[in-house]
Amino acid sequence: MKKISLKSLVWKEGKYYVSRALSLDISSFGKTRREALKNLVEAIELYLENAPKFKAVKISRPSIVDSVVTYA
């Protein structure tokens, strides 16, 4: 078995917590932060079982930046 290290983002949205792997386009949710992260790990494991070749995008020192967008 191979091990990889991924950075994840967790935030509260309504009454649930959402978790997202930054290197993969995979997310999950749960009633608590812990449950959201546990569910994310499970989703990633299921994804990797079926992925022919996996190569994570390395993200170092991510930061949250506020942006203002104008739209119609």
PDB file of N, CA and C in Angstrom:
ATOM      1  N   MET A   1       0.828  -1.185   0.000  1.00  0.00           N
ATOM      2  CA  MET A   1       0.000   0.000   0.000  1.00  0.00           C
ATOM      3  C   MET A   1       0.867   1.241   0.000  1.00  0.00           C
ATOM      4  N   LYS A   2       0.418   2.234  -0.736  1.00  0.00           N
ATOM      5  CA  LYS A   2       1.125   3.503  -0.791  1.00  0.00           C
ATOM      6  C   LYS A   2       0.442   4.504   0.124  1.00  0.00           C
ATOM      7  N   LYS A   3       1.220   5.440   0.623  1.00  0.00           N
ATOM      8  CA  LYS A   3       0.677   6.514   1.448  1.00  0.00           C
ATOM      9  C   LYS A   3       0.965   7.835   0.757  1.00  0.00           C
ATOM     10  N   ILE A   4      -0.006   8.733   0.809  1.00  0.00           N
ATOM     11  CA  ILE A   4       0.197  10.085   0.292  1.00  0.00           C
ATOM     12  C   ILE A   4      -0.287  11.070   1.346  1.00  0.00           C
ATOM     13  N   SER A   5       0.241  12.254   1.290  1.00  0.00           N
ATOM     14  CA  SER A   5      -0.164  13.313   2.210  1.00  0.00           C
ATOM     15  C   SER A   5      -0.880  14.395   1.403  1.00  0.00           C
ATOM     16  N   LEU A   6      -2.093  14.717   1.813  1.00  0.00           N
ATOM     17  CA  LEU A   6      -2.889  15.716   1.104  1.00  0.00           C
ATOM     18  C   LEU A   6      -3.331  16.818   2.066  1.00  0.00           C
ATOM     19  N   LYS A   7      -3.449  18.014   1.543  1.00  0.00           N
ATOM     20  CA  LYS A   7      -3.980  19.123   2.334  1.00  0.00           C
ATOM     21  C   LYS A   7      -5.472  19.231   2.037  1.00  0.00           C
ATOM     22  N   SER A   8      -6.247  19.462   3.093  1.00  0.00           N
ATOM     23  CA  SER A   8      -7.694  19.562   2.956  1.00  0.00           C
ATOM     24  C   SER A   8      -8.192  20.857   3.572  1.00  0.00           C
ATOM     25  N   LEU A   9      -9.321  21.297   3.087  1.00  0.00           N
ATOM     26  CA  LEU A   9      -9.967  22.502   3.584  1.00  0.00           C
ATOM     27  C   LEU A   9     -11.299  22.089   4.193  1.00  0.00           C
ATOM     28  N   VAL A  10     -11.636  22.621   5.356  1.00  0.00           N
ATOM     29  CA  VAL A  10     -12.899  22.303   6.022  1.00  0.00           C
ATOM     30  C   VAL A  10     -13.578  23.614   6.406  1.00  0.00           C
ATOM     31  N   TRP A  11     -14.876  23.710   6.128  1.00  0.00           N
ATOM     32  CA  TRP A  11     -15.629  24.885   6.514  1.00  0.00           C
ATOM     33  C   TRP A  11     -17.062  24.492   6.851  1.00  0.00           C
ATOM     34  N   LYS A  12     -17.748  25.366   7.570  1.00  0.00           N
ATOM     35  CA  LYS A  12     -19.133  25.098   7.947  1.00  0.00           C
ATOM     36  C   LYS A  12     -20.044  25.770   6.933  1.00  0.00           C
ATOM     37  N   GLU A  13     -21.000  24.990   6.450  1.00  0.00           N
ATOM     38  CA  GLU A  13     -21.968  25.494   5.481  1.00  0.00           C
ATOM     39  C   GLU A  13     -23.352  25.100   5.978  1.00  0.00           C
ATOM     40  N   GLY A  14     -24.073  26.064   6.510  1.00  0.00           N
ATOM     41  CA  GLY A  14     -25.365  25.747   7.128  1.00  0.00           C
ATOM     42  C   GLY A  14     -25.143  24.925   8.382  1.00  0.00           C
ATOM     43  N   LYS A  15     -25.815  23.773   8.487  1.00  0.00           N
ATOM     44  CA  LYS A  15     -25.634  22.935   9.675  1.00  0.00           C
ATOM     45  C   LYS A  15     -24.618  21.820   9.458  1.00  0.00           C
ATOM     46  N   TYR A  16     -23.964  21.776   8.306  1.00  0.00           N
ATOM     47  CA  TYR A  16     -22.980  20.731   8.003  1.00  0.00           C
ATOM     48  C   TYR A  16     -21.588  21.322   7.797  1.00  0.00           C
ATOM     49  N   TYR A  17     -20.587  20.468   7.971  1.00  0.00           N
ATOM     50  CA  TYR A  17     -19.211  20.823   7.653  1.00  0.00           C
ATOM     51  C   TYR A  17     -18.869  20.204   6.313  1.00  0.00           C
ATOM     52  N   VAL A  18     -18.184  20.957   5.475  1.00  0.00           N
ATOM     53  CA  VAL A  18     -17.761  20.493   4.158  1.00  0.00           C
ATOM     54  C   VAL A  18     -16.245  20.348   4.188  1.00  0.00           C
ATOM     55  N   SER A  19     -15.750  19.257   3.617  1.00  0.00           N
ATOM     56  CA  SER A  19     -14.302  19.047   3.537  1.00  0.00           C
ATOM     57  C   SER A  19     -13.946  18.828   2.073  1.00  0.00           C
ATOM     58  N   ARG A  20     -12.800  19.379   1.654  1.00  0.00           N
ATOM     59  CA  ARG A  20     -12.374  19.266   0.265  1.00  0.00           C
ATOM     60  C   ARG A  20     -10.873  19.038   0.208  1.00  0.00           C
ATOM     61  N   ALA A  21     -10.466  18.056  -0.565  1.00  0.00           N
ATOM     62  CA  ALA A  21      -9.044  17.812  -0.789  1.00  0.00           C
ATOM     63  C   ALA A  21      -8.567  18.823  -1.831  1.00  0.00           C
ATOM     64  N   LEU A  22      -7.556  19.590  -1.504  1.00  0.00           N
ATOM     65  CA  LEU A  22      -7.101  20.644  -2.406  1.00  0.00           C
ATOM     66  C   LEU A  22      -6.414  20.095  -3.659  1.00  0.00           C
ATOM     67  N   SER A  23      -5.743  18.957  -3.555  1.00  0.00           N
ATOM     68  CA  SER A  23      -5.014  18.401  -4.690  1.00  0.00           C
ATOM     69  C   SER A  23      -5.901  17.585  -5.628  1.00  0.00           C
ATOM     70  N   LEU A  24      -7.066  17.216  -5.156  1.00  0.00           N
ATOM     71  CA  LEU A  24      -7.999  16.405  -5.937  1.00  0.00           C
ATOM     72  C   LEU A  24      -9.332  17.126  -6.002  1.00  0.00           C
ATOM     73  N   ASP A  25     -10.124  16.812  -6.973  1.00  0.00           N
ATOM     74  CA  ASP A  25     -11.448  17.417  -7.064  1.00  0.00           C
ATOM     75  C   ASP A  25     -12.442  16.529  -6.335  1.00  0.00           C
ATOM     76  N   ILE A  26     -12.220  16.343  -5.024  1.00  0.00           N
ATOM     77  CA  ILE A  26     -13.044  15.463  -4.208  1.00  0.00           C
ATOM     78  C   ILE A  26     -13.444  16.206  -2.940  1.00  0.00           C
ATOM     79  N   SER A  27     -14.722  16.083  -2.592  1.00  0.00           N
ATOM     80  CA  SER A  27     -15.190  16.705  -1.360  1.00  0.00           C
ATOM     81  C   SER A  27     -16.209  15.795  -0.683  1.00  0.00           C
ATOM     82  N   SER A  28     -16.508  16.101   0.566  1.00  0.00           N
ATOM     83  CA  SER A  28     -17.489  15.351   1.330  1.00  0.00           C
ATOM     84  C   SER A  28     -18.046  16.272   2.406  1.00  0.00           C
ATOM     85  N   PHE A  29     -18.903  15.730   3.265  1.00  0.00           N
ATOM     86  CA  PHE A  29     -19.481  16.550   4.326  1.00  0.00           C
ATOM     87  C   PHE A  29     -19.848  15.673   5.507  1.00  0.00           C
ATOM     88  N   GLY A  30     -20.176  16.322   6.623  1.00  0.00           N
ATOM     89  CA  GLY A  30     -20.604  15.610   7.819  1.00  0.00           C
ATOM     90  C   GLY A  30     -21.181  16.579   8.822  1.00  0.00           C
ATOM     91  N   LYS A  31     -21.757  16.034   9.885  1.00  0.00           N
ATOM     92  CA  LYS A  31     -22.359  16.875  10.923  1.00  0.00           C
ATOM     93  C   LYS A  31     -21.309  17.558  11.790  1.00  0.00           C
ATOM     94  N   THR A  32     -20.088  17.000  11.834  1.00  0.00           N
ATOM     95  CA  THR A  32     -18.983  17.583  12.593  1.00  0.00           C
ATOM     96  C   THR A  32     -17.765  17.682  11.675  1.00  0.00           C
ATOM     97  N   ARG A  33     -16.762  18.454  12.111  1.00  0.00           N
ATOM     98  CA  ARG A  33     -15.511  18.541  11.334  1.00  0.00           C
ATOM     99  C   ARG A  33     -14.885  17.161  11.197  1.00  0.00           C
ATOM    100  N   ARG A  34     -14.875  16.442  12.313  1.00  0.00           N
ATOM    101  CA  ARG A  34     -14.265  15.109  12.337  1.00  0.00           C
ATOM    102  C   ARG A  34     -14.958  14.168  11.354  1.00  0.00           C
ATOM    103  N   GLU A  35     -16.289  14.186  11.356  1.00  0.00           N
ATOM    104  CA  GLU A  35     -17.049  13.329  10.445  1.00  0.00           C
ATOM    105  C   GLU A  35     -16.825  13.734   8.987  1.00  0.00           C
ATOM    106  N   ALA A  36     -16.764  15.039   8.731  1.00  0.00           N
ATOM    107  CA  ALA A  36     -16.521  15.520   7.363  1.00  0.00           C
ATOM    108  C   ALA A  36     -15.159  15.054   6.864  1.00  0.00           C
ATOM    109  N   LEU A  37     -14.145  15.113   7.716  1.00  0.00           N
ATOM    110  CA  LEU A  37     -12.805  14.667   7.309  1.00  0.00           C
ATOM    111  C   LEU A  37     -12.746  13.148   7.157  1.00  0.00           C
ATOM    112  N   LYS A  38     -13.414  12.420   8.040  1.00  0.00           N
ATOM    113  CA  LYS A  38     -13.473  10.961   7.939  1.00  0.00           C
ATOM    114  C   LYS A  38     -14.140  10.556   6.621  1.00  0.00           C
ATOM    115  N   ASN A  39     -15.239  11.225   6.284  1.00  0.00           N
ATOM    116  CA  ASN A  39     -15.938  10.931   5.039  1.00  0.00           C
ATOM    117  C   ASN A  39     -15.101  11.304   3.816  1.00  0.00           C
ATOM    118  N   LEU A  40     -14.312  12.363   3.937  1.00  0.00           N
ATOM    119  CA  LEU A  40     -13.427  12.757   2.838  1.00  0.00           C
ATOM    120  C   LEU A  40     -12.362  11.698   2.605  1.00  0.00           C
ATOM    121  N   VAL A  41     -11.751  11.198   3.674  1.00  0.00           N
ATOM    122  CA  VAL A  41     -10.736  10.143   3.542  1.00  0.00           C
ATOM    123  C   VAL A  41     -11.343   8.924   2.856  1.00  0.00           C
ATOM    124  N   GLU A  42     -12.540   8.548   3.242  1.00  0.00           N
ATOM    125  CA  GLU A  42     -13.209   7.402   2.625  1.00  0.00           C
ATOM    126  C   GLU A  42     -13.455   7.656   1.132  1.00  0.00           C
ATOM    127  N   ALA A  43     -13.901   8.861   0.784  1.00  0.00           N
ATOM    128  CA  ALA A  43     -14.144   9.203  -0.619  1.00  0.00           C
ATOM    129  C   ALA A  43     -12.849   9.168  -1.429  1.00  0.00           C
ATOM    130  N   ILE A  44     -11.756   9.647  -0.843  1.00  0.00           N
ATOM    131  CA  ILE A  44     -10.459   9.631  -1.532  1.00  0.00           C
ATOM    132  C   ILE A  44      -9.992   8.197  -1.741  1.00  0.00           C
ATOM    133  N   GLU A  45     -10.138   7.360  -0.706  1.00  0.00           N
ATOM    134  CA  GLU A  45      -9.729   5.953  -0.829  1.00  0.00           C
ATOM    135  C   GLU A  45     -10.518   5.251  -1.931  1.00  0.00           C
ATOM    136  N   LEU A  46     -11.818   5.489  -2.003  1.00  0.00           N
ATOM    137  CA  LEU A  46     -12.635   4.887  -3.050  1.00  0.00           C
ATOM    138  C   LEU A  46     -12.216   5.382  -4.435  1.00  0.00           C
ATOM    139  N   TYR A  47     -11.919   6.668  -4.525  1.00  0.00           N
ATOM    140  CA  TYR A  47     -11.464   7.243  -5.792  1.00  0.00           C
ATOM    141  C   TYR A  47     -10.153   6.604  -6.237  1.00  0.00           C
ATOM    142  N   LEU A  48      -9.205   6.484  -5.309  1.00  0.00           N
ATOM    143  CA  LEU A  48      -7.884   5.962  -5.657  1.00  0.00           C
ATOM    144  C   LEU A  48      -7.922   4.480  -6.018  1.00  0.00           C
ATOM    145  N   GLU A  49      -8.881   3.721  -5.476  1.00  0.00           N
ATOM    146  CA  GLU A  49      -9.014   2.312  -5.825  1.00  0.00           C
ATOM    147  C   GLU A  49      -9.272   2.138  -7.315  1.00  0.00           C
ATOM    148  N   ASN A  50      -9.988   3.088  -7.911  1.00  0.00           N
ATOM    149  CA  ASN A  50     -10.375   2.987  -9.313  1.00  0.00           C
ATOM    150  C   ASN A  50      -9.553   3.870 -10.243  1.00  0.00           C
ATOM    151  N   ALA A  51      -8.664   4.666  -9.702  1.00  0.00           N
ATOM    152  CA  ALA A  51      -7.847   5.546 -10.538  1.00  0.00           C
ATOM    153  C   ALA A  51      -6.735   4.735 -11.186  1.00  0.00           C
ATOM    154  N   PRO A  52      -6.611   4.791 -12.519  1.00  0.00           N
ATOM    155  CA  PRO A  52      -5.562   4.017 -13.181  1.00  0.00           C
ATOM    156  C   PRO A  52      -4.157   4.449 -12.745  1.00  0.00           C
ATOM    157  N   LYS A  53      -3.893   5.730 -12.758  1.00  0.00           N
ATOM    158  CA  LYS A  53      -2.623   6.278 -12.284  1.00  0.00           C
ATOM    159  C   LYS A  53      -2.948   7.544 -11.514  1.00  0.00           C
ATOM    160  N   PHE A  54      -2.320   7.682 -10.388  1.00  0.00           N
ATOM    161  CA  PHE A  54      -2.601   8.838  -9.552  1.00  0.00           C
ATOM    162  C   PHE A  54      -1.372   9.702  -9.418  1.00  0.00           C
ATOM    163  N   LYS A  55      -1.546  10.985  -9.634  1.00  0.00           N
ATOM    164  CA  LYS A  55      -0.467  11.935  -9.407  1.00  0.00           C
ATOM    165  C   LYS A  55      -1.078  13.171  -8.754  1.00  0.00           C
ATOM    166  N   ALA A  56      -0.752  13.382  -7.500  1.00  0.00           N
ATOM    167  CA  ALA A  56      -1.293  14.529  -6.760  1.00  0.00           C
ATOM    168  C   ALA A  56      -0.554  15.796  -7.157  1.00  0.00           C
ATOM    169  N   VAL A  57      -1.280  16.879  -7.201  1.00  0.00           N
ATOM    170  CA  VAL A  57      -0.692  18.183  -7.429  1.00  0.00           C
ATOM    171  C   VAL A  57      -0.211  18.688  -6.078  1.00  0.00           C
ATOM    172  N   LYS A  58       1.070  19.022  -5.990  1.00  0.00           N
ATOM    173  CA  LYS A  58       1.608  19.485  -4.712  1.00  0.00           C
ATOM    174  C   LYS A  58       1.199  20.933  -4.471  1.00  0.00           C
ATOM    175  N   ILE A  59       0.601  21.159  -3.321  1.00  0.00           N
ATOM    176  CA  ILE A  59       0.191  22.507  -2.925  1.00  0.00           C
ATOM    177  C   ILE A  59       0.937  22.852  -1.655  1.00  0.00           C
ATOM    178  N   SER A  60       1.805  23.868  -1.747  1.00  0.00           N
ATOM    179  CA  SER A  60       2.538  24.261  -0.554  1.00  0.00           C
ATOM    180  C   SER A  60       2.045  25.606  -0.056  1.00  0.00           C
ATOM    181  N   ARG A  61       1.924  25.689   1.225  1.00  0.00           N
ATOM    182  CA  ARG A  61       1.514  26.897   1.933  1.00  0.00           C
ATOM    183  C   ARG A  61       0.313  27.594   1.291  1.00  0.00           C
ATOM    184  N   PRO A  62      -0.837  26.921   1.251  1.00  0.00           N
ATOM    185  CA  PRO A  62      -2.019  27.573   0.681  1.00  0.00           C
ATOM    186  C   PRO A  62      -2.475  28.723   1.565  1.00  0.00           C
ATOM    187  N   SER A  63      -3.086  29.712   0.965  1.00  0.00           N
ATOM    188  CA  SER A  63      -3.627  30.825   1.741  1.00  0.00           C
ATOM    189  C   SER A  63      -5.014  31.163   1.211  1.00  0.00           C
ATOM    190  N   ILE A  64      -5.819  31.728   2.072  1.00  0.00           N
ATOM    191  CA  ILE A  64      -7.156  32.163   1.683  1.00  0.00           C
ATOM    192  C   ILE A  64      -7.065  33.649   1.362  1.00  0.00           C
ATOM    193  N   VAL A  65      -7.528  34.001   0.183  1.00  0.00           N
ATOM    194  CA  VAL A  65      -7.431  35.379  -0.284  1.00  0.00           C
ATOM    195  C   VAL A  65      -8.837  35.870  -0.626  1.00  0.00           C
ATOM    196  N   ASP A  66      -9.210  37.045  -0.122  1.00  0.00           N
ATOM    197  CA  ASP A  66     -10.500  37.630  -0.443  1.00  0.00           C
ATOM    198  C   ASP A  66     -10.417  38.276  -1.831  1.00  0.00           C
ATOM    199  N   SER A  67     -11.456  38.095  -2.622  1.00  0.00           N
ATOM    200  CA  SER A  67     -11.538  38.703  -3.951  1.00  0.00           C
ATOM    201  C   SER A  67     -12.897  39.347  -4.114  1.00  0.00           C
ATOM    202  N   VAL A  68     -12.945  40.440  -4.870  1.00  0.00           N
ATOM    203  CA  VAL A  68     -14.192  41.108  -5.200  1.00  0.00           C
ATOM    204  C   VAL A  68     -14.438  40.899  -6.679  1.00  0.00           C
ATOM    205  N   VAL A  69     -15.620  40.378  -7.027  1.00  0.00           N
ATOM    206  CA  VAL A  69     -15.957  40.096  -8.413  1.00  0.00           C
ATOM    207  C   VAL A  69     -17.237  40.814  -8.760  1.00  0.00           C
ATOM    208  N   THR A  70     -17.284  41.453  -9.928  1.00  0.00           N
ATOM    209  CA  THR A  70     -18.475  42.131 -10.408  1.00  0.00           C
ATOM    210  C   THR A  70     -19.105  41.262 -11.483  1.00  0.00           C
ATOM    211  N   TYR A  71     -20.411  41.046 -11.389  1.00  0.00           N
ATOM    212  CA  TYR A  71     -21.089  40.234 -12.396  1.00  0.00           C
ATOM    213  C   TYR A  71     -22.478  40.787 -12.644  1.00  0.00           C
ATOM    214  N   ALA A  72     -23.057  40.379 -13.749  1.00  0.00           N
ATOM    215  CA  ALA A  72     -24.401  40.865 -14.117  1.00  0.00           C
ATOM    216  C   ALA A  72     -25.473  39.966 -13.585  1.00  0.00           C
TER     217      ALA A  72
END
